């Protein structure tokens, strides 16, 4: 029998790729937006699946709205991918960021307690919740030590999922995703900013690429692969949390250098550091141990930094 999925936050990068994957697997897919009539769903349109996703107007921060969406869609699986997704912006909008994640997932979990059928819930966690691990690779047992409002919100939402799974026997899981990119990223994300600015410079633009701290290191993967892991998490008989990452860490300077080298440009001629782009607190190194995902899900990232940069430059 085909399954039904509800993706809360379907219009973003991950929501759109996940919708594409689930449709391919034969799911009936519902997706939410605060204003389904006014939202362009441009990412779904880019993937050619806009007409195949049934959209609902839903405010994740309003319990009644969430409950109505769940009762209308009657999903077997819910993927909660909504919330204010920029770490940098969270310093300017801390209250809004924290509320968007914690109240959103709380409403989903509470609604799932009330509906008549069993629902499996996936929550999109973040590596940012680990904070500074002193260069050690984070595992699912690594304590959260958030250092930004965004990270605090993600940590709090993950704790809510853990609590509801234990206290109410819900099939609820968190995928702790490390950085993952694609052409669907908006340009407010630093990776897309690098890619698009470098392409304009390669085409003749005289602009400079302004960045903050390029010494930071992250684990960068390919978003279309990561949604496969999200789906796999909910197919397990026992609900658990999983780290989703490549296991390879590179610096932002490496990302910049690879991008400009691919365009036959010397990055040092085109990049300047702007102190105003430095965050109040930032993680120097983010490192992951995704061995549990490989061992239990059979999932392993195929694309490393070089492949991610090339695919983003080509708009694939």
C-alpha atoms as a PDB file:
ATOM      1  CA  UNK A   1       0.000   0.000   0.000  1.00  0.00           C
ATOM      2  CA  UNK A   2       1.235   3.496  -0.787  1.00  0.00           C
ATOM      3  CA  UNK A   3       2.002   5.793   2.128  1.00  0.00           C
ATOM      4  CA  UNK A   4       1.118   9.412   2.787  1.00  0.00           C
ATOM      5  CA  UNK A   5       3.633  11.959   4.030  1.00  0.00           C
ATOM      6  CA  UNK A   6       3.175  15.471   5.389  1.00  0.00           C
ATOM      7  CA  UNK A   7       6.197  17.740   4.953  1.00  0.00           C
ATOM      8  CA  UNK A   8       6.023  20.782   7.201  1.00  0.00           C
ATOM      9  CA  UNK A   9       8.350  23.222   5.465  1.00  0.00           C
ATOM     10  CA  UNK A  10       8.085  21.753   1.965  1.00  0.00           C
ATOM     11  CA  UNK A  11       9.174  24.910   0.134  1.00  0.00           C
ATOM     12  CA  UNK A  12      12.769  24.926   1.402  1.00  0.00           C
ATOM     13  CA  UNK A  13      15.780  23.105   0.019  1.00  0.00           C
ATOM     14  CA  UNK A  14      15.332  19.911   2.038  1.00  0.00           C
ATOM     15  CA  UNK A  15      11.543  19.892   1.840  1.00  0.00           C
ATOM     16  CA  UNK A  16      11.591  20.122  -1.948  1.00  0.00           C
ATOM     17  CA  UNK A  17      14.166  17.375  -2.451  1.00  0.00           C
ATOM     18  CA  UNK A  18      12.360  15.196   0.090  1.00  0.00           C
ATOM     19  CA  UNK A  19       9.051  15.702  -1.726  1.00  0.00           C
ATOM     20  CA  UNK A  20      10.744  14.662  -4.976  1.00  0.00           C
ATOM     21  CA  UNK A  21      12.145  11.512  -3.352  1.00  0.00           C
ATOM     22  CA  UNK A  22       8.856  10.512  -1.719  1.00  0.00           C
ATOM     23  CA  UNK A  23       6.892  11.035  -4.936  1.00  0.00           C
ATOM     24  CA  UNK A  24       9.400   8.801  -6.705  1.00  0.00           C
ATOM     25  CA  UNK A  25       8.772   6.164  -4.021  1.00  0.00           C
ATOM     26  CA  UNK A  26       5.021   6.322  -4.673  1.00  0.00           C
ATOM     27  CA  UNK A  27       3.955   8.401  -1.681  1.00  0.00           C
ATOM     28  CA  UNK A  28       1.037  10.787  -1.629  1.00  0.00           C
ATOM     29  CA  UNK A  29       2.760  13.996  -0.542  1.00  0.00           C
ATOM     30  CA  UNK A  30       1.232  16.914   1.327  1.00  0.00           C
ATOM     31  CA  UNK A  31       3.265  20.031   2.046  1.00  0.00           C
ATOM     32  CA  UNK A  32       2.601  23.059   4.189  1.00  0.00           C
ATOM     33  CA  UNK A  33       3.122  26.779   3.827  1.00  0.00           C
ATOM     34  CA  UNK A  34       1.810  29.631   5.950  1.00  0.00           C
ATOM     35  CA  UNK A  35      -0.021  30.823   2.820  1.00  0.00           C
ATOM     36  CA  UNK A  36      -0.356  28.027   0.293  1.00  0.00           C
ATOM     37  CA  UNK A  37      -2.247  30.261  -2.151  1.00  0.00           C
ATOM     38  CA  UNK A  38       0.321  33.053  -2.064  1.00  0.00           C
ATOM     39  CA  UNK A  39       3.506  30.987  -1.890  1.00  0.00           C
ATOM     40  CA  UNK A  40       5.255  30.492  -5.253  1.00  0.00           C
ATOM     41  CA  UNK A  41       6.813  27.143  -4.197  1.00  0.00           C
ATOM     42  CA  UNK A  42       9.652  28.017  -6.553  1.00  0.00           C
ATOM     43  CA  UNK A  43      11.861  25.115  -5.483  1.00  0.00           C
ATOM     44  CA  UNK A  44       9.095  22.610  -6.190  1.00  0.00           C
ATOM     45  CA  UNK A  45       8.635  24.289  -9.574  1.00  0.00           C
ATOM     46  CA  UNK A  46      12.370  24.031 -10.317  1.00  0.00           C
ATOM     47  CA  UNK A  47      12.218  20.299  -9.633  1.00  0.00           C
ATOM     48  CA  UNK A  48       9.103  19.952 -11.795  1.00  0.00           C
ATOM     49  CA  UNK A  49       6.931  18.533  -9.012  1.00  0.00           C
ATOM     50  CA  UNK A  50       4.811  21.510  -7.949  1.00  0.00           C
ATOM     51  CA  UNK A  51       1.608  20.028  -9.365  1.00  0.00           C
ATOM     52  CA  UNK A  52       2.221  16.714  -7.629  1.00  0.00           C
ATOM     53  CA  UNK A  53       2.376  18.066  -4.062  1.00  0.00           C
ATOM     54  CA  UNK A  54      -0.908  18.810  -2.292  1.00  0.00           C
ATOM     55  CA  UNK A  55      -0.370  22.018  -0.336  1.00  0.00           C
ATOM     56  CA  UNK A  56      -2.031  23.133   2.884  1.00  0.00           C
ATOM     57  CA  UNK A  57      -1.974  26.530   4.587  1.00  0.00           C
ATOM     58  CA  UNK A  58      -0.525  25.823   8.032  1.00  0.00           C
ATOM     59  CA  UNK A  59       1.109  27.883  10.753  1.00  0.00           C
ATOM     60  CA  UNK A  60       3.418  25.507  12.673  1.00  0.00           C
ATOM     61  CA  UNK A  61       3.294  27.817  15.692  1.00  0.00           C
ATOM     62  CA  UNK A  62      -0.495  27.483  15.955  1.00  0.00           C
ATOM     63  CA  UNK A  63      -1.618  24.174  17.473  1.00  0.00           C
ATOM     64  CA  UNK A  64      -5.064  24.138  15.894  1.00  0.00           C
ATOM     65  CA  UNK A  65      -3.579  24.806  12.466  1.00  0.00           C
ATOM     66  CA  UNK A  66      -1.168  21.881  12.840  1.00  0.00           C
ATOM     67  CA  UNK A  67      -3.882  19.543  14.098  1.00  0.00           C
ATOM     68  CA  UNK A  68      -6.157  20.448  11.172  1.00  0.00           C
ATOM     69  CA  UNK A  69      -3.327  19.783   8.676  1.00  0.00           C
ATOM     70  CA  UNK A  70      -2.618  16.385  10.200  1.00  0.00           C
ATOM     71  CA  UNK A  71      -6.286  15.402  10.208  1.00  0.00           C
ATOM     72  CA  UNK A  72      -6.741  16.570   6.594  1.00  0.00           C
ATOM     73  CA  UNK A  73      -3.700  14.721   5.285  1.00  0.00           C
ATOM     74  CA  UNK A  74      -3.903  11.644   7.596  1.00  0.00           C
ATOM     75  CA  UNK A  75      -0.178  11.003   7.112  1.00  0.00           C
ATOM     76  CA  UNK A  76       1.765   7.865   7.917  1.00  0.00           C
ATOM     77  CA  UNK A  77       4.879  10.031   8.239  1.00  0.00           C
ATOM     78  CA  UNK A  78       5.476  13.674   9.184  1.00  0.00           C
ATOM     79  CA  UNK A  79       8.705  15.470   8.371  1.00  0.00           C
ATOM     80  CA  UNK A  80       9.191  18.663  10.372  1.00  0.00           C
ATOM     81  CA  UNK A  81      11.618  20.834   8.377  1.00  0.00           C
ATOM     82  CA  UNK A  82      10.201  24.284   9.163  1.00  0.00           C
ATOM     83  CA  UNK A  83      11.751  27.180  11.079  1.00  0.00           C
ATOM     84  CA  UNK A  84      14.067  30.171  10.714  1.00  0.00           C
ATOM     85  CA  UNK A  85      17.016  28.434   9.083  1.00  0.00           C
ATOM     86  CA  UNK A  86      19.836  31.003   9.177  1.00  0.00           C
ATOM     87  CA  UNK A  87      22.382  30.840  12.014  1.00  0.00           C
ATOM     88  CA  UNK A  88      23.529  34.398  11.321  1.00  0.00           C
ATOM     89  CA  UNK A  89      20.004  35.797  11.274  1.00  0.00           C
ATOM     90  CA  UNK A  90      19.212  34.058  14.557  1.00  0.00           C
ATOM     91  CA  UNK A  91      21.450  36.544  16.387  1.00  0.00           C
ATOM     92  CA  UNK A  92      19.211  39.340  15.095  1.00  0.00           C
ATOM     93  CA  UNK A  93      15.947  37.415  15.640  1.00  0.00           C
ATOM     94  CA  UNK A  94      16.583  35.154  18.650  1.00  0.00           C
ATOM     95  CA  UNK A  95      13.016  34.982  19.991  1.00  0.00           C
ATOM     96  CA  UNK A  96      11.489  34.352  16.566  1.00  0.00           C
ATOM     97  CA  UNK A  97      14.077  31.675  15.785  1.00  0.00           C
ATOM     98  CA  UNK A  98      13.626  29.790  19.058  1.00  0.00           C
ATOM     99  CA  UNK A  99       9.845  29.934  18.832  1.00  0.00           C
ATOM    100  CA  UNK A 100       9.759  28.752  15.220  1.00  0.00           C
ATOM    101  CA  UNK A 101      11.515  25.500  16.061  1.00  0.00           C
ATOM    102  CA  UNK A 102      10.453  24.653  19.593  1.00  0.00           C
ATOM    103  CA  UNK A 103       6.787  25.614  19.374  1.00  0.00           C
ATOM    104  CA  UNK A 104       6.527  24.118  15.899  1.00  0.00           C
ATOM    105  CA  UNK A 105       7.794  20.651  16.806  1.00  0.00           C
ATOM    106  CA  UNK A 106       5.919  20.729  20.131  1.00  0.00           C
ATOM    107  CA  UNK A 107       2.639  21.293  18.284  1.00  0.00           C
ATOM    108  CA  UNK A 108       3.388  18.427  15.912  1.00  0.00           C
ATOM    109  CA  UNK A 109       4.240  16.021  18.723  1.00  0.00           C
ATOM    110  CA  UNK A 110       1.225  17.025  20.793  1.00  0.00           C
ATOM    111  CA  UNK A 111      -1.105  16.695  17.789  1.00  0.00           C
ATOM    112  CA  UNK A 112       0.255  13.221  17.064  1.00  0.00           C
ATOM    113  CA  UNK A 113      -0.762  12.210  20.566  1.00  0.00           C
ATOM    114  CA  UNK A 114      -4.341  13.242  19.804  1.00  0.00           C
ATOM    115  CA  UNK A 115      -4.980  11.789  16.347  1.00  0.00           C
ATOM    116  CA  UNK A 116      -6.531   8.356  16.042  1.00  0.00           C
ATOM    117  CA  UNK A 117      -3.832   6.694  13.920  1.00  0.00           C
ATOM    118  CA  UNK A 118      -0.138   6.111  14.566  1.00  0.00           C
ATOM    119  CA  UNK A 119       2.176   8.631  12.906  1.00  0.00           C
ATOM    120  CA  UNK A 120       5.948   8.518  12.583  1.00  0.00           C
ATOM    121  CA  UNK A 121       7.644  11.900  13.078  1.00  0.00           C
ATOM    122  CA  UNK A 122      10.988  13.031  11.708  1.00  0.00           C
ATOM    123  CA  UNK A 123      12.541  16.194  13.142  1.00  0.00           C
ATOM    124  CA  UNK A 124      15.363  18.013  11.347  1.00  0.00           C
ATOM    125  CA  UNK A 125      18.050  18.592  13.951  1.00  0.00           C
ATOM    126  CA  UNK A 126      21.343  20.364  13.399  1.00  0.00           C
ATOM    127  CA  UNK A 127      25.041  19.879  14.087  1.00  0.00           C
ATOM    128  CA  UNK A 128      25.060  23.448  15.404  1.00  0.00           C
ATOM    129  CA  UNK A 129      23.508  22.102  18.625  1.00  0.00           C
ATOM    130  CA  UNK A 130      26.779  20.371  19.521  1.00  0.00           C
ATOM    131  CA  UNK A 131      28.622  23.684  19.819  1.00  0.00           C
ATOM    132  CA  UNK A 132      32.396  23.526  20.173  1.00  0.00           C
ATOM    133  CA  UNK A 133      33.549  19.911  20.462  1.00  0.00           C
ATOM    134  CA  UNK A 134      37.231  20.962  20.488  1.00  0.00           C
ATOM    135  CA  UNK A 135      37.789  19.310  17.139  1.00  0.00           C
ATOM    136  CA  UNK A 136      36.443  15.927  18.271  1.00  0.00           C
ATOM    137  CA  UNK A 137      34.020  14.160  15.954  1.00  0.00           C
ATOM    138  CA  UNK A 138      30.478  14.366  17.343  1.00  0.00           C
ATOM    139  CA  UNK A 139      28.453  11.177  17.814  1.00  0.00           C
ATOM    140  CA  UNK A 140      24.830  10.717  18.807  1.00  0.00           C
ATOM    141  CA  UNK A 141      26.032  10.587  22.441  1.00  0.00           C
ATOM    142  CA  UNK A 142      27.884  13.920  22.329  1.00  0.00           C
ATOM    143  CA  UNK A 143      26.200  16.456  24.669  1.00  0.00           C
ATOM    144  CA  UNK A 144      24.629  19.557  23.161  1.00  0.00           C
ATOM    145  CA  UNK A 145      26.396  22.836  23.968  1.00  0.00           C
ATOM    146  CA  UNK A 146      24.654  25.397  21.705  1.00  0.00           C
ATOM    147  CA  UNK A 147      26.403  28.700  20.975  1.00  0.00           C
ATOM    148  CA  UNK A 148      23.805  30.588  18.940  1.00  0.00           C
ATOM    149  CA  UNK A 149      20.049  31.188  19.217  1.00  0.00           C
ATOM    150  CA  UNK A 150      19.628  28.893  16.208  1.00  0.00           C
ATOM    151  CA  UNK A 151      21.639  26.137  17.900  1.00  0.00           C
ATOM    152  CA  UNK A 152      19.747  26.598  21.152  1.00  0.00           C
ATOM    153  CA  UNK A 153      16.446  26.259  19.299  1.00  0.00           C
ATOM    154  CA  UNK A 154      17.565  23.104  17.511  1.00  0.00           C
ATOM    155  CA  UNK A 155      18.856  21.567  20.740  1.00  0.00           C
ATOM    156  CA  UNK A 156      15.610  22.365  22.563  1.00  0.00           C
ATOM    157  CA  UNK A 157      13.516  20.893  19.747  1.00  0.00           C
ATOM    158  CA  UNK A 158      15.639  17.726  19.776  1.00  0.00           C
ATOM    159  CA  UNK A 159      15.151  17.361  23.534  1.00  0.00           C
ATOM    160  CA  UNK A 160      11.393  17.682  23.037  1.00  0.00           C
ATOM    161  CA  UNK A 161      11.481  14.842  20.507  1.00  0.00           C
ATOM    162  CA  UNK A 162      13.499  12.668  22.905  1.00  0.00           C
ATOM    163  CA  UNK A 163      11.070  13.389  25.734  1.00  0.00           C
ATOM    164  CA  UNK A 164       7.931  12.620  23.727  1.00  0.00           C
ATOM    165  CA  UNK A 165       9.477   9.419  22.396  1.00  0.00           C
ATOM    166  CA  UNK A 166      10.246   8.232  25.927  1.00  0.00           C
ATOM    167  CA  UNK A 167       7.236   9.610  27.830  1.00  0.00           C
ATOM    168  CA  UNK A 168       4.479   9.013  25.288  1.00  0.00           C
ATOM    169  CA  UNK A 169       5.896   6.161  23.206  1.00  0.00           C
ATOM    170  CA  UNK A 170       5.768   8.182  19.983  1.00  0.00           C
ATOM    171  CA  UNK A 171       7.737   6.996  16.980  1.00  0.00           C
ATOM    172  CA  UNK A 172       9.687  10.253  16.792  1.00  0.00           C
ATOM    173  CA  UNK A 173      13.288  10.701  15.632  1.00  0.00           C
ATOM    174  CA  UNK A 174      15.810  13.457  15.045  1.00  0.00           C
ATOM    175  CA  UNK A 175      18.219  13.465  12.142  1.00  0.00           C
ATOM    176  CA  UNK A 176      21.190  15.551  13.274  1.00  0.00           C
ATOM    177  CA  UNK A 177      22.237  16.968   9.935  1.00  0.00           C
ATOM    178  CA  UNK A 178      25.585  18.569   9.304  1.00  0.00           C
ATOM    179  CA  UNK A 179      25.922  21.179   6.539  1.00  0.00           C
ATOM    180  CA  UNK A 180      24.409  20.097   3.239  1.00  0.00           C
ATOM    181  CA  UNK A 181      24.154  22.224   0.111  1.00  0.00           C
ATOM    182  CA  UNK A 182      22.564  22.407  -3.327  1.00  0.00           C
ATOM    183  CA  UNK A 183      21.560  24.944  -6.002  1.00  0.00           C
ATOM    184  CA  UNK A 184      18.265  25.362  -4.124  1.00  0.00           C
ATOM    185  CA  UNK A 185      20.052  27.166  -1.299  1.00  0.00           C
ATOM    186  CA  UNK A 186      19.145  30.888  -1.169  1.00  0.00           C
ATOM    187  CA  UNK A 187      22.063  33.295  -1.508  1.00  0.00           C
ATOM    188  CA  UNK A 188      21.870  34.340   2.157  1.00  0.00           C
ATOM    189  CA  UNK A 189      23.702  31.063   2.866  1.00  0.00           C
ATOM    190  CA  UNK A 190      27.450  31.521   2.592  1.00  0.00           C
ATOM    191  CA  UNK A 191      28.023  28.582   0.244  1.00  0.00           C
ATOM    192  CA  UNK A 192      25.531  29.850  -2.332  1.00  0.00           C
ATOM    193  CA  UNK A 193      26.885  33.383  -1.878  1.00  0.00           C
ATOM    194  CA  UNK A 194      30.365  32.084  -2.743  1.00  0.00           C
ATOM    195  CA  UNK A 195      29.138  30.110  -5.762  1.00  0.00           C
ATOM    196  CA  UNK A 196      27.016  32.877  -7.295  1.00  0.00           C
ATOM    197  CA  UNK A 197      29.522  35.681  -6.646  1.00  0.00           C
ATOM    198  CA  UNK A 198      32.361  33.609  -8.122  1.00  0.00           C
ATOM    199  CA  UNK A 199      30.278  32.858 -11.221  1.00  0.00           C
ATOM    200  CA  UNK A 200      29.550  36.569 -11.716  1.00  0.00           C
ATOM    201  CA  UNK A 201      33.237  37.396 -11.292  1.00  0.00           C
ATOM    202  CA  UNK A 202      34.114  34.664 -13.785  1.00  0.00           C
ATOM    203  CA  UNK A 203      31.666  36.287 -16.218  1.00  0.00           C
ATOM    204  CA  UNK A 204      33.417  39.650 -15.909  1.00  0.00           C
ATOM    205  CA  UNK A 205      32.022  41.308 -12.781  1.00  0.00           C
ATOM    206  CA  UNK A 206      34.486  43.556 -10.903  1.00  0.00           C
ATOM    207  CA  UNK A 207      32.825  42.953  -7.521  1.00  0.00           C
ATOM    208  CA  UNK A 208      34.571  41.472  -4.513  1.00  0.00           C
ATOM    209  CA  UNK A 209      33.361  38.514  -2.475  1.00  0.00           C
ATOM    210  CA  UNK A 210      33.000  39.688   1.120  1.00  0.00           C
ATOM    211  CA  UNK A 211      33.210  36.997   3.792  1.00  0.00           C
ATOM    212  CA  UNK A 212      33.605  36.760   7.553  1.00  0.00           C
ATOM    213  CA  UNK A 213      35.834  34.142   9.144  1.00  0.00           C
ATOM    214  CA  UNK A 214      37.123  31.813   6.403  1.00  0.00           C
ATOM    215  CA  UNK A 215      39.112  29.698   8.892  1.00  0.00           C
ATOM    216  CA  UNK A 216      35.991  27.907  10.129  1.00  0.00           C
ATOM    217  CA  UNK A 217      35.695  24.240   9.164  1.00  0.00           C
ATOM    218  CA  UNK A 218      32.516  22.328   8.412  1.00  0.00           C
ATOM    219  CA  UNK A 219      31.339  18.944   7.142  1.00  0.00           C
ATOM    220  CA  UNK A 220      29.693  19.752   3.801  1.00  0.00           C
ATOM    221  CA  UNK A 221      27.487  17.268   1.957  1.00  0.00           C
ATOM    222  CA  UNK A 222      25.009  17.107  -0.931  1.00  0.00           C
ATOM    223  CA  UNK A 223      21.395  17.798   0.082  1.00  0.00           C
ATOM    224  CA  UNK A 224      19.653  15.345  -2.318  1.00  0.00           C
ATOM    225  CA  UNK A 225      21.596  12.520  -0.659  1.00  0.00           C
ATOM    226  CA  UNK A 226      20.662  13.692   2.836  1.00  0.00           C
ATOM    227  CA  UNK A 227      16.909  13.459   2.249  1.00  0.00           C
ATOM    228  CA  UNK A 228      17.413   9.761   1.492  1.00  0.00           C
ATOM    229  CA  UNK A 229      18.823   9.430   5.004  1.00  0.00           C
ATOM    230  CA  UNK A 230      15.817  11.308   6.444  1.00  0.00           C
ATOM    231  CA  UNK A 231      13.473   8.817   4.837  1.00  0.00           C
ATOM    232  CA  UNK A 232      15.570   5.866   6.032  1.00  0.00           C
ATOM    233  CA  UNK A 233      15.429   7.128   9.631  1.00  0.00           C
ATOM    234  CA  UNK A 234      11.626   6.761   9.686  1.00  0.00           C
ATOM    235  CA  UNK A 235      11.679   3.282   8.141  1.00  0.00           C
ATOM    236  CA  UNK A 236      13.404   1.743  11.177  1.00  0.00           C
ATOM    237  CA  UNK A 237      11.322  -0.335  13.589  1.00  0.00           C
ATOM    238  CA  UNK A 238      12.935   1.293  16.622  1.00  0.00           C
ATOM    239  CA  UNK A 239      12.916   5.128  16.688  1.00  0.00           C
ATOM    240  CA  UNK A 240      16.385   6.569  17.258  1.00  0.00           C
ATOM    241  CA  UNK A 241      18.383   9.690  16.478  1.00  0.00           C
ATOM    242  CA  UNK A 242      21.060   9.661  13.775  1.00  0.00           C
ATOM    243  CA  UNK A 243      23.927  11.886  12.663  1.00  0.00           C
ATOM    244  CA  UNK A 244      23.784  12.561   8.924  1.00  0.00           C
ATOM    245  CA  UNK A 245      27.139  13.748   7.551  1.00  0.00           C
ATOM    246  CA  UNK A 246      30.024  12.866   5.244  1.00  0.00           C
ATOM    247  CA  UNK A 247      32.584  12.406   8.029  1.00  0.00           C
ATOM    248  CA  UNK A 248      34.971  14.762   6.190  1.00  0.00           C
ATOM    249  CA  UNK A 249      35.672  18.293   7.427  1.00  0.00           C
ATOM    250  CA  UNK A 250      37.022  21.143   5.295  1.00  0.00           C
ATOM    251  CA  UNK A 251      37.594  24.852   5.887  1.00  0.00           C
ATOM    252  CA  UNK A 252      35.543  27.623   4.338  1.00  0.00           C
ATOM    253  CA  UNK A 253      38.758  28.721   2.661  1.00  0.00           C
ATOM    254  CA  UNK A 254      38.917  25.273   1.014  1.00  0.00           C
ATOM    255  CA  UNK A 255      35.363  25.812  -0.286  1.00  0.00           C
ATOM    256  CA  UNK A 256      36.318  29.241  -1.659  1.00  0.00           C
ATOM    257  CA  UNK A 257      39.551  27.998  -3.219  1.00  0.00           C
ATOM    258  CA  UNK A 258      37.878  25.028  -4.922  1.00  0.00           C
ATOM    259  CA  UNK A 259      35.157  27.278  -6.307  1.00  0.00           C
ATOM    260  CA  UNK A 260      37.502  29.859  -7.804  1.00  0.00           C
ATOM    261  CA  UNK A 261      39.974  27.238  -9.066  1.00  0.00           C
ATOM    262  CA  UNK A 262      37.128  25.572 -10.961  1.00  0.00           C
ATOM    263  CA  UNK A 263      36.600  28.890 -12.763  1.00  0.00           C
ATOM    264  CA  UNK A 264      40.346  29.326 -13.401  1.00  0.00           C
ATOM    265  CA  UNK A 265      40.520  32.219 -10.940  1.00  0.00           C
ATOM    266  CA  UNK A 266      42.843  32.985  -8.023  1.00  0.00           C
ATOM    267  CA  UNK A 267      40.523  33.411  -5.037  1.00  0.00           C
ATOM    268  CA  UNK A 268      42.948  35.756  -3.247  1.00  0.00           C
ATOM    269  CA  UNK A 269      42.440  38.343  -6.008  1.00  0.00           C
ATOM    270  CA  UNK A 270      38.689  38.475  -5.446  1.00  0.00           C
ATOM    271  CA  UNK A 271      37.972  37.832  -1.756  1.00  0.00           C
ATOM    272  CA  UNK A 272      38.066  40.281   1.144  1.00  0.00           C
ATOM    273  CA  UNK A 273      37.267  39.662   4.786  1.00  0.00           C
ATOM    274  CA  UNK A 274      34.676  41.943   6.328  1.00  0.00           C
ATOM    275  CA  UNK A 275      34.739  42.141  10.162  1.00  0.00           C
ATOM    276  CA  UNK A 276      31.037  43.099  10.106  1.00  0.00           C
ATOM    277  CA  UNK A 277      30.242  39.601   8.841  1.00  0.00           C
ATOM    278  CA  UNK A 278      31.821  37.947  11.880  1.00  0.00           C
ATOM    279  CA  UNK A 279      29.256  36.327  14.205  1.00  0.00           C
ATOM    280  CA  UNK A 280      29.201  37.064  17.963  1.00  0.00           C
ATOM    281  CA  UNK A 281      30.004  33.393  18.590  1.00  0.00           C
ATOM    282  CA  UNK A 282      30.949  30.893  15.933  1.00  0.00           C
ATOM    283  CA  UNK A 283      32.171  27.318  15.862  1.00  0.00           C
ATOM    284  CA  UNK A 284      35.733  26.991  14.646  1.00  0.00           C
ATOM    285  CA  UNK A 285      35.532  23.305  13.740  1.00  0.00           C
ATOM    286  CA  UNK A 286      32.514  21.069  13.154  1.00  0.00           C
ATOM    287  CA  UNK A 287      33.335  17.386  12.831  1.00  0.00           C
ATOM    288  CA  UNK A 288      31.063  14.336  12.569  1.00  0.00           C
ATOM    289  CA  UNK A 289      31.120  10.599  13.092  1.00  0.00           C
ATOM    290  CA  UNK A 290      28.262   9.239  10.924  1.00  0.00           C
ATOM    291  CA  UNK A 291      29.161   5.578  11.461  1.00  0.00           C
ATOM    292  CA  UNK A 292      25.809   4.760  13.123  1.00  0.00           C
ATOM    293  CA  UNK A 293      23.945   5.830   9.983  1.00  0.00           C
ATOM    294  CA  UNK A 294      26.087   3.553   7.868  1.00  0.00           C
ATOM    295  CA  UNK A 295      25.798   0.676  10.329  1.00  0.00           C
ATOM    296  CA  UNK A 296      22.036   0.845  10.978  1.00  0.00           C
ATOM    297  CA  UNK A 297      20.583   2.669   7.968  1.00  0.00           C
ATOM    298  CA  UNK A 298      23.008   1.476   5.328  1.00  0.00           C
ATOM    299  CA  UNK A 299      23.378   5.139   4.352  1.00  0.00           C
ATOM    300  CA  UNK A 300      26.668   6.754   3.382  1.00  0.00           C
ATOM    301  CA  UNK A 301      27.360  10.088   1.697  1.00  0.00           C
ATOM    302  CA  UNK A 302      28.609   9.704  -1.872  1.00  0.00           C
ATOM    303  CA  UNK A 303      29.617  13.324  -2.521  1.00  0.00           C
ATOM    304  CA  UNK A 304      32.459  15.175  -0.834  1.00  0.00           C
ATOM    305  CA  UNK A 305      33.350  18.860  -0.947  1.00  0.00           C
ATOM    306  CA  UNK A 306      34.772  18.767  -4.480  1.00  0.00           C
ATOM    307  CA  UNK A 307      31.641  17.123  -5.898  1.00  0.00           C
ATOM    308  CA  UNK A 308      29.370  19.526  -3.991  1.00  0.00           C
ATOM    309  CA  UNK A 309      31.189  22.590  -5.351  1.00  0.00           C
ATOM    310  CA  UNK A 310      31.163  21.271  -8.923  1.00  0.00           C
ATOM    311  CA  UNK A 311      27.463  20.394  -8.785  1.00  0.00           C
ATOM    312  CA  UNK A 312      26.532  23.800  -7.352  1.00  0.00           C
ATOM    313  CA  UNK A 313      28.577  25.591 -10.012  1.00  0.00           C
ATOM    314  CA  UNK A 314      26.785  23.583 -12.689  1.00  0.00           C
ATOM    315  CA  UNK A 315      23.407  24.172 -11.085  1.00  0.00           C
ATOM    316  CA  UNK A 316      22.695  20.430 -11.025  1.00  0.00           C
END
